[in-house]
Structure formats: structure tokens, C-alpha cells
Amino acid sequence: MTSERKKILLRLDPAVHDALTRWAGDELRSTNAQIEFLLRRALGDAGRMPGNVGQMRRPGRPAKDETGTTAGPDGEE
């Protein structure tokens, strides 16, 4: 079962966006995934993370299974 991801428009200072993009690249994440990672960390630190939140996919490319196909974050293609 997959839940639909919410889409938002986020306006950032270009210098902040550039710094996030570089940081994301260093950690093998997309800029979008880096923003979500940071928001999740901030929510957790503030004690505001909802209990029903799903796990984020690990950084980098998804692992290939023994058949050579790429599996999704929950093991499904």
C-alpha cells in the first residue's frame, strides 16, 4: 500500500537552495529528499513527529535484488 505524497511549493533564497543542493549531493540525496530529511529531524527534535509517519528511503540508489531488478523502499518493484 502506497500513500500519495503531498506536493508543496517552497520558495527559497537562491543561496539557501544552492547550499541545500550541495549538501544533498554530499549525502547522495536529491534536494527534495534532503529537505524532507531535515524537516523530519527538526520534527523529531521538537517532539512533534507524528507516530504514523512512514520511513524515508535510505540515501543513494535502491539496491538491486538477486534478479537484477531494482526494488522499491518496501521491497516491491
N, C-alpha and C. Protein backbone atom coordinates (compact mmCIF):
# COMPACT_ATOMS: atom_id res chain seq x y z
N MET A 1 0.85 -1.18 0.00
CA MET A 1 0.00 0.00 0.00
C MET A 1 0.89 1.24 0.00
N THR A 2 0.69 2.10 -0.97
CA THR A 2 1.48 3.32 -1.02
C THR A 2 0.58 4.51 -0.74
N SER A 3 1.09 5.42 0.05
CA SER A 3 0.32 6.63 0.31
C SER A 3 0.82 7.70 -0.65
N GLU A 4 -0.10 8.52 -1.08
CA GLU A 4 0.25 9.59 -2.01
C GLU A 4 1.07 10.64 -1.29
N ARG A 5 2.13 11.09 -1.93
CA ARG A 5 2.99 12.12 -1.35
C ARG A 5 2.34 13.47 -1.59
N LYS A 6 2.44 14.36 -0.61
CA LYS A 6 1.91 15.71 -0.72
C LYS A 6 2.92 16.57 -1.47
N LYS A 7 2.42 17.46 -2.30
CA LYS A 7 3.27 18.38 -3.04
C LYS A 7 3.05 19.78 -2.50
N ILE A 8 4.15 20.52 -2.32
CA ILE A 8 4.05 21.90 -1.87
C ILE A 8 4.98 22.77 -2.71
N LEU A 9 4.66 24.02 -2.79
CA LEU A 9 5.53 25.00 -3.42
C LEU A 9 6.36 25.62 -2.31
N LEU A 10 7.66 25.62 -2.48
CA LEU A 10 8.56 26.16 -1.46
C LEU A 10 9.44 27.21 -2.12
N ARG A 11 9.37 28.41 -1.61
CA ARG A 11 10.21 29.49 -2.13
C ARG A 11 11.42 29.63 -1.22
N LEU A 12 12.61 29.57 -1.82
CA LEU A 12 13.85 29.66 -1.05
C LEU A 12 14.75 30.74 -1.64
N ASP A 13 15.54 31.33 -0.78
CA ASP A 13 16.61 32.21 -1.23
C ASP A 13 17.54 31.37 -2.11
N PRO A 14 17.99 31.88 -3.23
CA PRO A 14 18.85 31.09 -4.12
C PRO A 14 20.11 30.55 -3.42
N ALA A 15 20.70 31.32 -2.52
CA ALA A 15 21.89 30.86 -1.81
C ALA A 15 21.56 29.69 -0.89
N VAL A 16 20.38 29.72 -0.26
CA VAL A 16 19.95 28.61 0.60
C VAL A 16 19.72 27.37 -0.26
N HIS A 17 19.07 27.55 -1.40
CA HIS A 17 18.82 26.43 -2.31
C HIS A 17 20.14 25.82 -2.78
N ASP A 18 21.09 26.65 -3.15
CA ASP A 18 22.39 26.15 -3.61
C ASP A 18 23.10 25.37 -2.51
N ALA A 19 23.05 25.89 -1.28
CA ALA A 19 23.69 25.20 -0.15
C ALA A 19 23.01 23.85 0.11
N LEU A 20 21.67 23.82 0.05
CA LEU A 20 20.93 22.56 0.24
C LEU A 20 21.27 21.56 -0.85
N THR A 21 21.37 22.03 -2.08
CA THR A 21 21.69 21.15 -3.20
C THR A 21 23.08 20.54 -3.04
N ARG A 22 24.04 21.35 -2.62
CA ARG A 22 25.39 20.82 -2.40
C ARG A 22 25.39 19.80 -1.26
N TRP A 23 24.71 20.13 -0.16
CA TRP A 23 24.63 19.23 0.98
C TRP A 23 23.96 17.92 0.58
N ALA A 24 22.86 18.02 -0.16
CA ALA A 24 22.15 16.82 -0.62
C ALA A 24 23.07 15.96 -1.47
N GLY A 25 23.82 16.56 -2.36
CA GLY A 25 24.75 15.81 -3.20
C GLY A 25 25.81 15.10 -2.38
N ASP A 26 26.29 15.75 -1.34
CA ASP A 26 27.29 15.14 -0.47
C ASP A 26 26.74 13.90 0.23
N GLU A 27 25.43 13.87 0.47
CA GLU A 27 24.80 12.75 1.19
C GLU A 27 24.02 11.82 0.26
N LEU A 28 24.25 11.98 -1.06
CA LEU A 28 23.62 11.14 -2.08
C LEU A 28 22.09 11.19 -2.02
N ARG A 29 21.56 12.37 -1.77
CA ARG A 29 20.12 12.59 -1.76
C ARG A 29 19.77 13.63 -2.81
N SER A 30 18.51 13.63 -3.24
CA SER A 30 18.01 14.73 -4.05
C SER A 30 17.80 15.92 -3.11
N THR A 31 17.68 17.09 -3.68
CA THR A 31 17.40 18.28 -2.86
C THR A 31 16.08 18.09 -2.12
N ASN A 32 15.09 17.55 -2.78
CA ASN A 32 13.79 17.32 -2.15
C ASN A 32 13.92 16.35 -0.97
N ALA A 33 14.65 15.27 -1.15
CA ALA A 33 14.84 14.30 -0.06
C ALA A 33 15.63 14.92 1.09
N GLN A 34 16.58 15.80 0.78
CA GLN A 34 17.34 16.46 1.84
C GLN A 34 16.44 17.37 2.66
N ILE A 35 15.55 18.10 2.00
CA ILE A 35 14.62 18.97 2.71
C ILE A 35 13.71 18.13 3.61
N GLU A 36 13.20 17.01 3.08
CA GLU A 36 12.35 16.15 3.90
C GLU A 36 13.13 15.58 5.08
N PHE A 37 14.38 15.15 4.86
CA PHE A 37 15.22 14.63 5.93
C PHE A 37 15.38 15.67 7.04
N LEU A 38 15.67 16.91 6.66
CA LEU A 38 15.87 17.97 7.65
C LEU A 38 14.58 18.30 8.39
N LEU A 39 13.47 18.32 7.68
CA LEU A 39 12.19 18.58 8.33
C LEU A 39 11.83 17.47 9.32
N ARG A 40 12.08 16.22 8.93
CA ARG A 40 11.81 15.10 9.84
C ARG A 40 12.69 15.20 11.09
N ARG A 41 13.96 15.54 10.90
CA ARG A 41 14.87 15.67 12.04
C ARG A 41 14.40 16.79 12.96
N ALA A 42 13.99 17.92 12.39
CA ALA A 42 13.51 19.04 13.20
C ALA A 42 12.24 18.65 13.96
N LEU A 43 11.32 17.94 13.29
CA LEU A 43 10.10 17.48 13.97
C LEU A 43 10.43 16.54 15.12
N GLY A 44 11.35 15.63 14.88
CA GLY A 44 11.75 14.69 15.94
C GLY A 44 12.40 15.41 17.11
N ASP A 45 13.30 16.34 16.81
CA ASP A 45 13.98 17.09 17.86
C ASP A 45 13.00 17.91 18.70
N ALA A 46 11.93 18.39 18.07
CA ALA A 46 10.94 19.20 18.77
C ALA A 46 9.86 18.36 19.43
N GLY A 47 9.94 17.03 19.27
CA GLY A 47 8.92 16.16 19.84
C GLY A 47 7.59 16.27 19.13
N ARG A 48 7.62 16.61 17.86
CA ARG A 48 6.39 16.81 17.10
C ARG A 48 6.21 15.82 15.95
N MET A 49 7.04 14.78 15.91
CA MET A 49 6.93 13.80 14.83
C MET A 49 5.70 12.93 15.07
N PRO A 50 4.78 12.87 14.10
CA PRO A 50 3.59 12.02 14.26
C PRO A 50 4.00 10.55 14.34
N GLY A 51 3.25 9.78 15.11
CA GLY A 51 3.56 8.37 15.28
C GLY A 51 3.31 7.53 14.05
N ASN A 52 2.46 8.00 13.14
CA ASN A 52 2.09 7.20 11.97
C ASN A 52 2.90 7.55 10.73
N VAL A 53 4.03 8.22 10.90
CA VAL A 53 4.84 8.64 9.76
C VAL A 53 5.63 7.45 9.22
N GLY A 54 5.69 7.31 7.90
CA GLY A 54 6.44 6.22 7.27
C GLY A 54 7.94 6.51 7.29
N GLN A 55 8.72 5.49 7.02
CA GLN A 55 10.17 5.62 6.97
C GLN A 55 10.61 6.26 5.66
N MET A 56 11.69 7.02 5.72
CA MET A 56 12.29 7.56 4.50
C MET A 56 13.15 6.47 3.87
N ARG A 57 13.27 6.53 2.55
CA ARG A 57 14.18 5.63 1.85
C ARG A 57 15.60 6.03 2.19
N ARG A 58 16.49 5.05 2.29
CA ARG A 58 17.89 5.34 2.59
C ARG A 58 18.51 6.12 1.43
N PRO A 59 19.55 6.94 1.71
CA PRO A 59 20.19 7.70 0.64
C PRO A 59 20.87 6.79 -0.38
N GLY A 60 21.02 7.28 -1.57
CA GLY A 60 21.67 6.53 -2.64
C GLY A 60 20.67 5.79 -3.49
N ARG A 61 21.18 5.01 -4.40
CA ARG A 61 20.31 4.26 -5.30
C ARG A 61 19.73 3.05 -4.60
N PRO A 62 18.49 2.68 -4.96
CA PRO A 62 17.91 1.48 -4.35
C PRO A 62 18.74 0.25 -4.71
N ALA A 63 18.83 -0.69 -3.79
CA ALA A 63 19.60 -1.92 -4.02
C ALA A 63 18.88 -2.79 -5.04
N LYS A 64 19.66 -3.52 -5.83
CA LYS A 64 19.08 -4.48 -6.77
C LYS A 64 18.93 -5.82 -6.07
N ASP A 65 17.83 -6.50 -6.37
CA ASP A 65 17.65 -7.83 -5.79
C ASP A 65 18.43 -8.86 -6.62
N GLU A 66 18.30 -10.13 -6.27
CA GLU A 66 19.08 -11.17 -6.93
C GLU A 66 18.74 -11.34 -8.40
N THR A 67 17.58 -10.86 -8.86
CA THR A 67 17.21 -10.96 -10.27
C THR A 67 17.76 -9.80 -11.08
N GLY A 68 18.36 -8.81 -10.39
CA GLY A 68 18.92 -7.66 -11.10
C GLY A 68 17.94 -6.52 -11.27
N THR A 69 16.72 -6.66 -10.72
CA THR A 69 15.76 -5.56 -10.79
C THR A 69 15.86 -4.70 -9.56
N THR A 70 15.49 -3.46 -9.71
CA THR A 70 15.56 -2.52 -8.59
C THR A 70 14.29 -2.63 -7.76
N ALA A 71 14.45 -2.86 -6.49
CA ALA A 71 13.32 -2.99 -5.57
C ALA A 71 13.01 -1.62 -4.98
N GLY A 72 11.75 -1.37 -4.69
CA GLY A 72 11.32 -0.14 -4.05
C GLY A 72 11.66 -0.14 -2.59
N PRO A 73 11.31 0.96 -1.85
CA PRO A 73 11.68 1.07 -0.45
C PRO A 73 11.06 0.01 0.44
N ASP A 74 9.94 -0.58 0.00
CA ASP A 74 9.30 -1.61 0.81
C ASP A 74 9.55 -3.00 0.24
N GLY A 75 10.55 -3.10 -0.68
CA GLY A 75 10.88 -4.39 -1.28
C GLY A 75 10.09 -4.71 -2.52
N GLU A 76 9.09 -3.87 -2.88
CA GLU A 76 8.29 -4.12 -4.07
C GLU A 76 8.81 -3.28 -5.21
N GLU A 77 8.58 -3.76 -6.44
CA GLU A 77 9.01 -3.01 -7.61
C GLU A 77 7.97 -2.00 -8.01
